[in-house]
């Protein structure tokens, strides 16, 4: 961790200013803490009115917030326009990322025909295949496997034990966390003569710039065409992208979600955790799919979809839940009416 005064921290953050503090050079910042309860020598973060009351009671030495919220507080404040975005900068200042040396570790293997850019780190037991190109300032953590003919753009970071299969093309500033797999075979078999016959997958995976992939995620290579991941996509842990899927820009997918093959997801779509998307469908740009949703058909328009089947919008799903509850209650009422009829000696037609 690094140590700053509030004055020094403000000088590091462009456009920031200090409020509620006459001597910012005496306010020491050593950690970043939640606003409740906060901690001495810590800076906290406030961007939501819901926790404003907590911020008024915080034990932290300073609060990163907006000018509007700073007027409601007595604690020293570091004012910025977008505190949720600047928080990342503050975290990097107070908790500097690990610095990797420019070295190929002795247990690593780099094929003679491979090209490593400037200032790269190749960790222990890493292998880099023939004719592969690794961009400048790239980190390959311990145990990573990079196949033949792969291209990885500058400023990338491949996590430990990740596997990038042959021919995969990756843009700049790519991040994969541990044990992710990119470019493995798509799931395609034809049942004939009493067995499942494997169909070769001869496409590849193409990934844009600024993409991040969580731990234990898998992106299959295309069958005849390529699997494509657009710029700015962010995947949580345990996400699976099937073969021939095409994802646009800035698609966000939470954990335990799977996309079946040949599905198209347009730009700026958000998919919650534990979702399943059927094959050969298209998700319109700007759509939000709630956690645990099953989408079997192409939604008719961009909207918020939730539920188990057939792409219901959120209001439609709420109505469905009410109707299901009414059906369940109706069965209870029917049994009670039948019991009352029996007690009264009444007969009813079934």
Protein backbone atom coordinates (compact mmCIF):
# COMPACT_ATOMS: atom_id res chain seq x y z
CA UNK A 1 0.00 0.00 0.00
CA UNK A 2 1.03 3.60 -0.61
CA UNK A 3 0.59 6.54 1.75
CA UNK A 4 -0.74 9.94 0.65
CA UNK A 5 -2.01 13.08 2.23
CA UNK A 6 -5.37 14.29 0.95
CA UNK A 7 -3.53 17.16 -0.71
CA UNK A 8 -1.17 14.77 -2.53
CA UNK A 9 -4.05 12.52 -3.58
CA UNK A 10 -5.93 15.47 -5.03
CA UNK A 11 -2.85 16.50 -7.00
CA UNK A 12 -2.75 13.01 -8.57
CA UNK A 13 -6.39 13.13 -9.70
CA UNK A 14 -7.05 15.58 -12.51
CA UNK A 15 -9.99 17.90 -11.98
CA UNK A 16 -10.48 17.03 -8.32
CA UNK A 17 -10.82 19.52 -5.49
CA UNK A 18 -10.97 19.40 -1.68
CA UNK A 19 -13.88 20.48 0.51
CA UNK A 20 -14.59 20.60 4.25
CA UNK A 21 -10.90 20.69 5.08
CA UNK A 22 -8.61 23.61 6.02
CA UNK A 23 -5.38 21.57 6.24
CA UNK A 24 -5.47 18.75 3.63
CA UNK A 25 -1.72 18.23 4.05
CA UNK A 26 -2.43 16.82 7.52
CA UNK A 27 -5.10 14.32 6.41
CA UNK A 28 -3.33 10.98 5.89
CA UNK A 29 -4.76 8.33 3.52
CA UNK A 30 -3.36 4.80 3.77
CA UNK A 31 -6.34 2.61 2.85
CA UNK A 32 -9.69 2.64 1.03
CA UNK A 33 -12.68 1.50 3.12
CA UNK A 34 -16.47 1.18 2.83
CA UNK A 35 -18.21 4.33 4.05
CA UNK A 36 -19.85 2.34 6.84
CA UNK A 37 -18.29 2.10 9.34
CA UNK A 38 -15.19 3.58 7.69
CA UNK A 39 -11.73 3.63 9.25
CA UNK A 40 -9.14 6.20 10.38
CA UNK A 41 -6.50 7.09 7.76
CA UNK A 42 -8.88 5.78 5.11
CA UNK A 43 -10.79 7.33 2.22
CA UNK A 44 -14.33 6.10 1.53
CA UNK A 45 -16.58 6.37 -1.48
CA UNK A 46 -20.04 7.95 -1.84
CA UNK A 47 -21.98 8.09 -5.11
CA UNK A 48 -25.43 6.93 -4.00
CA UNK A 49 -27.89 8.94 -1.93
CA UNK A 50 -29.03 5.74 -0.22
CA UNK A 51 -25.84 5.65 1.86
CA UNK A 52 -25.58 9.39 2.51
CA UNK A 53 -26.75 8.89 6.09
CA UNK A 54 -23.95 6.33 6.60
CA UNK A 55 -21.41 8.80 5.19
CA UNK A 56 -22.46 11.39 7.76
CA UNK A 57 -21.40 8.94 10.51
CA UNK A 58 -18.29 7.50 8.83
CA UNK A 59 -15.04 7.02 10.75
CA UNK A 60 -12.99 7.54 7.59
CA UNK A 61 -10.62 10.46 7.29
CA UNK A 62 -12.04 11.54 3.92
CA UNK A 63 -14.77 10.73 1.42
CA UNK A 64 -14.52 10.59 -2.37
CA UNK A 65 -17.79 12.06 -3.62
CA UNK A 66 -19.57 14.68 -5.72
CA UNK A 67 -19.90 18.36 -4.91
CA UNK A 68 -23.62 17.89 -4.23
CA UNK A 69 -23.04 15.23 -1.56
CA UNK A 70 -20.03 17.05 -0.07
CA UNK A 71 -22.36 19.90 0.95
CA UNK A 72 -24.25 17.40 3.15
CA UNK A 73 -21.11 16.18 4.94
CA UNK A 74 -18.74 17.53 7.56
CA UNK A 75 -15.93 15.05 6.89
CA UNK A 76 -13.14 16.19 4.49
CA UNK A 77 -14.12 15.40 0.90
CA UNK A 78 -12.29 14.82 -2.35
CA UNK A 79 -14.73 16.12 -4.96
CA UNK A 80 -14.88 14.70 -8.49
CA UNK A 81 -17.53 14.61 -11.21
CA UNK A 82 -17.80 10.80 -11.35
CA UNK A 83 -16.64 9.21 -8.08
CA UNK A 84 -17.55 5.68 -9.16
CA UNK A 85 -15.14 6.00 -12.09
CA UNK A 86 -12.39 7.84 -10.17
CA UNK A 87 -12.52 5.14 -7.47
CA UNK A 88 -10.53 2.88 -9.80
CA UNK A 89 -7.78 5.51 -10.01
CA UNK A 90 -7.74 5.94 -6.23
CA UNK A 91 -7.48 2.18 -5.70
CA UNK A 92 -4.53 1.97 -8.11
CA UNK A 93 -2.80 4.80 -6.27
CA UNK A 94 -3.32 3.44 -2.76
CA UNK A 95 -2.86 -0.22 -3.77
CA UNK A 96 -0.38 -0.12 -6.67
CA UNK A 97 -0.67 -3.12 -9.02
CA UNK A 98 2.13 -5.68 -8.94
CA UNK A 99 4.99 -4.72 -11.26
CA UNK A 100 6.27 -7.58 -13.43
CA UNK A 101 9.87 -7.65 -14.65
CA UNK A 102 10.82 -7.74 -18.31
CA UNK A 103 11.96 -11.35 -18.29
CA UNK A 104 11.33 -14.83 -19.65
CA UNK A 105 11.51 -17.18 -16.68
CA UNK A 106 13.94 -20.10 -17.06
CA UNK A 107 11.20 -22.74 -16.95
CA UNK A 108 9.21 -21.08 -19.79
CA UNK A 109 9.37 -22.21 -23.42
CA UNK A 110 9.11 -19.72 -26.27
CA UNK A 111 9.30 -21.19 -29.78
CA UNK A 112 12.16 -19.68 -31.81
CA UNK A 113 9.72 -18.46 -34.47
CA UNK A 114 7.50 -16.66 -31.93
CA UNK A 115 7.80 -12.89 -31.53
CA UNK A 116 7.74 -11.26 -28.11
CA UNK A 117 7.16 -7.52 -27.89
CA UNK A 118 9.04 -5.10 -25.67
CA UNK A 119 8.79 -5.25 -21.89
CA UNK A 120 6.98 -8.59 -21.67
CA UNK A 121 6.86 -10.99 -18.76
CA UNK A 122 6.70 -14.73 -19.49
CA UNK A 123 6.11 -16.64 -16.27
CA UNK A 124 7.21 -20.05 -15.05
CA UNK A 125 6.09 -23.06 -17.12
CA UNK A 126 4.54 -20.87 -19.81
CA UNK A 127 4.69 -22.17 -23.37
CA UNK A 128 4.41 -19.97 -26.48
CA UNK A 129 3.87 -21.77 -29.79
CA UNK A 130 5.40 -21.31 -33.20
CA UNK A 131 4.66 -18.19 -35.26
CA UNK A 132 2.82 -16.60 -32.33
CA UNK A 133 3.02 -12.82 -31.79
CA UNK A 134 2.84 -11.27 -28.34
CA UNK A 135 2.41 -7.47 -28.16
CA UNK A 136 4.45 -5.02 -26.08
CA UNK A 137 3.92 -4.80 -22.30
CA UNK A 138 2.09 -8.11 -22.11
CA UNK A 139 2.08 -10.41 -19.08
CA UNK A 140 1.79 -14.19 -19.42
CA UNK A 141 1.36 -15.55 -15.92
CA UNK A 142 2.66 -18.90 -14.67
CA UNK A 143 1.41 -21.95 -16.50
CA UNK A 144 -0.27 -20.14 -19.41
CA UNK A 145 -0.37 -22.07 -22.70
CA UNK A 146 -0.34 -20.04 -25.92
CA UNK A 147 -0.77 -22.13 -29.07
CA UNK A 148 0.71 -21.74 -32.53
CA UNK A 149 -0.18 -18.80 -34.73
CA UNK A 150 -1.81 -16.80 -31.94
CA UNK A 151 -1.78 -12.99 -31.92
CA UNK A 152 -2.17 -11.06 -28.66
CA UNK A 153 -2.25 -7.26 -28.65
CA UNK A 154 -0.16 -4.93 -26.50
CA UNK A 155 -0.85 -4.33 -22.83
CA UNK A 156 -2.57 -7.67 -22.32
CA UNK A 157 -2.55 -9.90 -19.24
CA UNK A 158 -3.11 -13.65 -19.54
CA UNK A 159 -3.90 -15.23 -16.17
CA UNK A 160 -2.31 -18.34 -14.66
CA UNK A 161 -3.02 -21.69 -16.35
CA UNK A 162 -5.08 -20.05 -19.07
CA UNK A 163 -5.08 -21.75 -22.47
CA UNK A 164 -5.28 -19.90 -25.79
CA UNK A 165 -5.50 -22.39 -28.64
CA UNK A 166 -3.98 -22.10 -32.10
CA UNK A 167 -4.92 -19.27 -34.43
CA UNK A 168 -6.80 -17.14 -31.91
CA UNK A 169 -6.57 -13.39 -32.55
CA UNK A 170 -6.82 -11.05 -29.54
CA UNK A 171 -6.78 -7.25 -29.45
CA UNK A 172 -5.11 -4.77 -27.12
CA UNK A 173 -5.42 -4.60 -23.33
CA UNK A 174 -6.97 -8.04 -23.06
CA UNK A 175 -7.32 -9.61 -19.58
CA UNK A 176 -8.07 -13.25 -18.79
CA UNK A 177 -8.21 -14.55 -15.25
CA UNK A 178 -6.99 -17.97 -14.16
CA UNK A 179 -7.90 -21.20 -15.98
CA UNK A 180 -9.83 -19.62 -18.82
CA UNK A 181 -9.83 -21.36 -22.22
CA UNK A 182 -10.13 -19.65 -25.59
CA UNK A 183 -10.34 -21.42 -28.92
CA UNK A 184 -11.16 -24.96 -27.85
CA UNK A 185 -13.34 -26.99 -30.19
CA UNK A 186 -16.99 -26.13 -30.53
CA UNK A 187 -19.53 -28.76 -29.48
CA UNK A 188 -20.65 -30.31 -32.78
CA UNK A 189 -21.40 -33.98 -33.35
CA UNK A 190 -23.50 -35.95 -35.83
CA UNK A 191 -25.10 -39.18 -34.65
CA UNK A 192 -24.70 -41.91 -37.26
CA UNK A 193 -23.94 -45.62 -37.28
CA UNK A 194 -24.67 -45.91 -33.58
CA UNK A 195 -22.25 -43.25 -32.36
CA UNK A 196 -21.64 -39.50 -32.09
CA UNK A 197 -19.24 -38.45 -34.87
CA UNK A 198 -17.14 -35.37 -34.19
CA UNK A 199 -17.28 -32.54 -36.74
CA UNK A 200 -13.97 -30.66 -37.06
CA UNK A 201 -14.06 -27.02 -35.97
CA UNK A 202 -11.92 -25.07 -38.43
CA UNK A 203 -12.84 -21.49 -37.54
CA UNK A 204 -11.11 -19.50 -34.82
CA UNK A 205 -11.87 -16.87 -32.15
CA UNK A 206 -11.42 -13.15 -32.77
CA UNK A 207 -11.46 -10.87 -29.72
CA UNK A 208 -11.48 -7.07 -29.84
CA UNK A 209 -9.78 -4.48 -27.65
CA UNK A 210 -10.35 -3.98 -23.90
CA UNK A 211 -12.00 -7.36 -23.31
CA UNK A 212 -11.88 -9.05 -19.89
CA UNK A 213 -12.72 -12.70 -19.23
CA UNK A 214 -13.24 -14.20 -15.78
CA UNK A 215 -11.80 -17.37 -14.28
CA UNK A 216 -12.84 -20.75 -15.68
CA UNK A 217 -14.61 -19.21 -18.66
CA UNK A 218 -14.55 -20.80 -22.10
CA UNK A 219 -14.94 -19.37 -25.60
CA UNK A 220 -15.23 -22.04 -28.30
CA UNK A 221 -13.70 -21.63 -31.74
CA UNK A 222 -16.03 -21.42 -34.72
CA UNK A 223 -17.02 -24.37 -36.87
CA UNK A 224 -16.66 -22.89 -40.35
CA UNK A 225 -16.94 -19.21 -39.38
CA UNK A 226 -15.24 -17.45 -36.46
CA UNK A 227 -16.52 -16.83 -32.96
CA UNK A 228 -16.33 -13.05 -32.44
CA UNK A 229 -16.14 -11.02 -29.23
CA UNK A 230 -16.43 -7.25 -29.74
CA UNK A 231 -14.52 -4.40 -28.12
CA UNK A 232 -15.11 -3.72 -24.44
CA UNK A 233 -16.90 -6.97 -23.55
CA UNK A 234 -16.64 -8.07 -19.90
CA UNK A 235 -17.34 -11.65 -18.76
CA UNK A 236 -17.60 -12.88 -15.19
CA UNK A 237 -16.31 -16.28 -14.02
CA UNK A 238 -17.75 -19.49 -15.48
CA UNK A 239 -19.15 -17.98 -18.67
CA UNK A 240 -19.41 -20.16 -21.77
CA UNK A 241 -19.61 -18.81 -25.33
CA UNK A 242 -20.49 -21.47 -27.91
CA UNK A 243 -19.07 -21.80 -31.40
CA UNK A 244 -19.93 -19.22 -34.08
CA UNK A 245 -21.42 -16.77 -31.56
CA UNK A 246 -21.00 -13.11 -32.49
CA UNK A 247 -21.00 -10.54 -29.68
CA UNK A 248 -21.03 -6.81 -30.32
CA UNK A 249 -19.37 -4.09 -28.28
CA UNK A 250 -19.63 -3.64 -24.50
CA UNK A 251 -21.56 -6.82 -23.77
CA UNK A 252 -21.51 -7.67 -20.04
CA UNK A 253 -22.20 -11.26 -18.91
CA UNK A 254 -22.39 -12.38 -15.26
CA UNK A 255 -21.27 -15.79 -14.00
CA UNK A 256 -22.79 -19.20 -14.74
CA UNK A 257 -24.25 -18.00 -18.05
CA UNK A 258 -24.01 -19.96 -21.29
CA UNK A 259 -24.64 -18.99 -24.91
CA UNK A 260 -25.40 -21.81 -27.34
CA UNK A 261 -23.80 -21.80 -30.76
CA UNK A 262 -24.44 -19.23 -33.50
CA UNK A 263 -26.21 -16.77 -31.22
CA UNK A 264 -25.78 -13.06 -32.00
CA UNK A 265 -25.68 -10.56 -29.14
CA UNK A 266 -25.74 -6.96 -30.30
CA UNK A 267 -23.99 -3.97 -28.68
CA UNK A 268 -24.45 -2.88 -25.04
CA UNK A 269 -26.39 -5.93 -23.88
CA UNK A 270 -26.31 -6.92 -20.19
CA UNK A 271 -26.90 -10.58 -19.26
CA UNK A 272 -27.34 -11.56 -15.62
CA UNK A 273 -25.95 -14.62 -13.88
CA UNK A 274 -27.21 -18.15 -14.42
CA UNK A 275 -28.85 -17.44 -17.80
CA UNK A 276 -29.19 -19.80 -20.73
CA UNK A 277 -29.48 -18.53 -24.32
CA UNK A 278 -30.57 -20.90 -27.08
CA UNK A 279 -28.73 -21.30 -30.38
CA UNK A 280 -29.32 -19.24 -33.53
CA UNK A 281 -31.13 -16.35 -31.85
CA UNK A 282 -30.39 -12.61 -31.82
CA UNK A 283 -30.45 -10.35 -28.77
CA UNK A 284 -31.23 -6.71 -29.70
CA UNK A 285 -28.83 -3.91 -28.79
CA UNK A 286 -29.38 -2.48 -25.30
CA UNK A 287 -31.34 -5.49 -23.99
CA UNK A 288 -31.09 -6.48 -20.31
CA UNK A 289 -31.61 -10.15 -19.42
CA UNK A 290 -32.26 -10.73 -15.73
CA UNK A 291 -30.44 -13.41 -13.75
CA UNK A 292 -31.70 -16.96 -14.13
CA UNK A 293 -33.54 -16.24 -17.39
CA UNK A 294 -33.92 -18.73 -20.21
CA UNK A 295 -34.12 -17.18 -23.67
CA UNK A 296 -35.21 -19.63 -26.37
CA UNK A 297 -36.39 -17.22 -29.05
CA UNK A 298 -35.23 -13.90 -30.44
CA UNK A 299 -36.78 -11.11 -28.33
CA UNK A 300 -38.97 -8.82 -30.45
CA UNK A 301 -37.31 -5.62 -29.21
CA UNK A 302 -34.76 -4.24 -26.74
CA UNK A 303 -36.26 -4.47 -23.24
CA UNK A 304 -35.73 -6.04 -19.81
CA UNK A 305 -36.43 -9.78 -20.05
CA UNK A 306 -36.83 -12.16 -17.13
CA UNK A 307 -38.31 -15.61 -16.56
CA UNK A 308 -37.87 -19.19 -17.58
CA UNK A 309 -38.99 -19.24 -21.19
CA UNK A 310 -40.03 -17.41 -24.33
CA UNK A 311 -38.46 -14.02 -23.63
CA UNK A 312 -41.00 -12.33 -21.37
CA UNK A 313 -40.51 -8.68 -20.56
CA UNK A 314 -40.36 -7.80 -16.88
CA UNK A 315 -44.03 -6.58 -16.70
CA UNK A 316 -45.20 -9.69 -18.58
CA UNK A 317 -43.26 -11.90 -16.19
CA UNK A 318 -44.84 -10.18 -13.19
CA UNK A 319 -48.30 -10.86 -14.66
CA UNK A 320 -47.32 -14.49 -15.26
CA UNK A 321 -46.28 -14.87 -11.63
CA UNK A 322 -49.63 -13.48 -10.50
CA UNK A 323 -51.49 -15.83 -12.84
CA UNK A 324 -49.54 -18.84 -11.61
CA UNK A 325 -50.35 -17.88 -8.04
CA UNK A 326 -54.03 -17.52 -8.98
CA UNK A 327 -54.05 -20.97 -10.59
CA UNK A 328 -52.51 -22.49 -7.46
CA UNK A 329 -55.05 -20.69 -5.27
CA UNK A 330 -57.91 -21.75 -7.55
CA UNK A 331 -57.00 -25.39 -6.99
CA UNK A 332 -57.15 -24.80 -3.23
CA UNK A 333 -60.53 -23.08 -3.54
CA UNK A 334 -61.86 -25.90 -5.72
CA UNK A 335 -60.89 -28.50 -3.11
CA UNK A 336 -62.51 -26.47 -0.33
CA UNK A 337 -65.74 -26.05 -2.32
CA UNK A 338 -65.86 -29.77 -3.07
CA UNK A 339 -65.36 -30.59 0.63
CA UNK A 340 -68.16 -28.19 1.60
CA UNK A 341 -70.50 -29.74 -0.99
CA UNK A 342 -69.80 -33.20 0.42
CA UNK A 343 -70.60 -32.01 3.96
CA UNK A 344 -73.85 -30.45 2.75
CA UNK A 345 -74.79 -33.56 0.77
CA UNK A 346 -74.71 -31.69 -2.50
CA UNK A 347 -73.69 -33.33 -5.74
CA UNK A 348 -71.75 -31.58 -8.46
CA UNK A 349 -70.92 -32.51 -12.01
CA UNK A 350 -67.23 -33.07 -12.72
